[in-house]
Amino acid sequence: MRKITKRNKKGQTMGLAILSTIAVFVIGFMFINFLMPEVTNFRTDMNCASSTISDGSKLMCLMGDLTIPYIMLTILSLAVGAITARMTL
């Protein structure tokens, strides 16, 4: 009789990691598409294009502008985390 050995399933794990990463990207970037009009409304309401706003308003406009790159960085870190978690398990 043949001895049944446990196979290394790294290929299957990597495939699952790639599929879950694609799902994270799709859901994350769909969320960004819903958030972009809100950021535009925020900039319009805060009058960020004006040069006569106060320093506090300039800082608030900067924080509003940083939301989209921050969310993109979060999506990328979640995707890398999903791949890393699948590869180490």
Protein backbone atom coordinates (compact mmCIF):
# COMPACT_ATOMS: atom_id res chain seq x y z
CA MET A 1 0.00 0.00 0.00
CA ARG A 2 1.01 3.55 -0.63
CA LYS A 3 1.63 5.84 2.23
CA ILE A 4 -0.58 8.92 2.06
CA THR A 5 1.39 12.07 2.75
CA LYS A 6 0.18 15.55 3.39
CA ARG A 7 0.87 17.76 0.40
CA ASN A 8 2.10 21.30 0.49
CA LYS A 9 -0.77 23.49 -0.71
CA LYS A 10 1.08 26.78 -1.20
CA GLY A 11 -0.25 27.13 -4.75
CA GLN A 12 -3.84 26.88 -3.58
CA THR A 13 -3.14 29.29 -0.74
CA MET A 14 -1.59 31.81 -3.11
CA GLY A 15 -4.59 31.56 -5.44
CA LEU A 16 -6.95 32.21 -2.57
CA ALA A 17 -4.81 35.16 -1.46
CA ILE A 18 -4.94 36.67 -4.95
CA LEU A 19 -8.72 36.27 -5.14
CA SER A 20 -9.26 37.84 -1.73
CA THR A 21 -6.91 40.70 -2.64
CA ILE A 22 -8.90 41.41 -5.81
CA ALA A 23 -12.09 41.44 -3.73
CA VAL A 24 -10.53 43.93 -1.28
CA PHE A 25 -9.45 46.18 -4.17
CA VAL A 26 -12.84 46.13 -5.87
CA ILE A 27 -14.82 46.83 -2.71
CA GLY A 28 -12.35 49.46 -1.53
CA PHE A 29 -12.25 51.40 -4.78
CA MET A 30 -16.04 51.25 -5.07
CA PHE A 31 -16.12 52.92 -1.66
CA ILE A 32 -13.77 55.64 -2.93
CA ASN A 33 -16.08 56.35 -5.89
CA PHE A 34 -18.92 57.00 -3.44
CA LEU A 35 -16.71 59.23 -1.30
CA MET A 36 -15.32 61.52 -4.05
CA PRO A 37 -18.48 63.69 -4.44
CA GLU A 38 -18.56 64.21 -0.69
CA VAL A 39 -14.98 65.47 -0.69
CA THR A 40 -15.84 67.83 -3.56
CA ASN A 41 -18.86 69.13 -1.62
CA PHE A 42 -16.67 69.58 1.46
CA ARG A 43 -14.14 71.65 -0.51
CA THR A 44 -16.92 73.78 -2.01
CA ASP A 45 -18.64 74.37 1.33
CA MET A 46 -15.36 75.23 3.08
CA ASN A 47 -14.42 77.62 0.24
CA CYS A 48 -10.99 76.01 -0.04
CA ALA A 49 -10.16 77.72 -3.35
CA SER A 50 -10.21 81.16 -1.71
CA SER A 51 -6.93 82.77 -0.69
CA THR A 52 -8.52 84.78 2.13
CA ILE A 53 -9.45 81.90 4.45
CA SER A 54 -7.93 81.56 7.90
CA ASP A 55 -5.12 79.20 8.85
CA GLY A 56 -7.52 76.87 10.63
CA SER A 57 -9.68 76.62 7.52
CA LYS A 58 -6.60 75.91 5.41
CA LEU A 59 -5.67 73.10 7.77
CA MET A 60 -9.20 71.70 7.62
CA CYS A 61 -9.10 71.83 3.80
CA LEU A 62 -5.79 69.96 3.87
CA MET A 63 -7.27 67.27 6.11
CA GLY A 64 -10.25 66.95 3.79
CA ASP A 65 -7.91 66.57 0.81
CA LEU A 66 -5.95 63.84 2.58
CA THR A 67 -8.94 61.55 3.10
CA ILE A 68 -8.79 59.92 -0.36
CA PRO A 69 -5.03 59.08 -0.25
CA TYR A 70 -5.45 57.85 3.32
CA ILE A 71 -8.26 55.49 2.30
CA MET A 72 -6.22 54.28 -0.70
CA LEU A 73 -3.29 53.54 1.61
CA THR A 74 -5.64 51.65 3.93
CA ILE A 75 -6.95 49.55 1.02
CA LEU A 76 -3.42 48.73 -0.12
CA SER A 77 -2.35 47.75 3.40
CA LEU A 78 -5.40 45.50 3.75
CA ALA A 79 -4.58 43.81 0.45
CA VAL A 80 -0.94 43.25 1.41
CA GLY A 81 -2.09 42.00 4.81
CA ALA A 82 -4.44 39.51 3.15
CA ILE A 83 -1.62 38.12 1.01
CA THR A 84 0.81 38.00 3.91
CA ALA A 85 -1.70 36.30 6.20
CA ARG A 86 -2.42 33.61 3.60
CA MET A 87 1.25 32.97 2.94
CA THR A 88 2.28 32.61 6.59
CA LEU A 89 -0.57 30.30 7.58
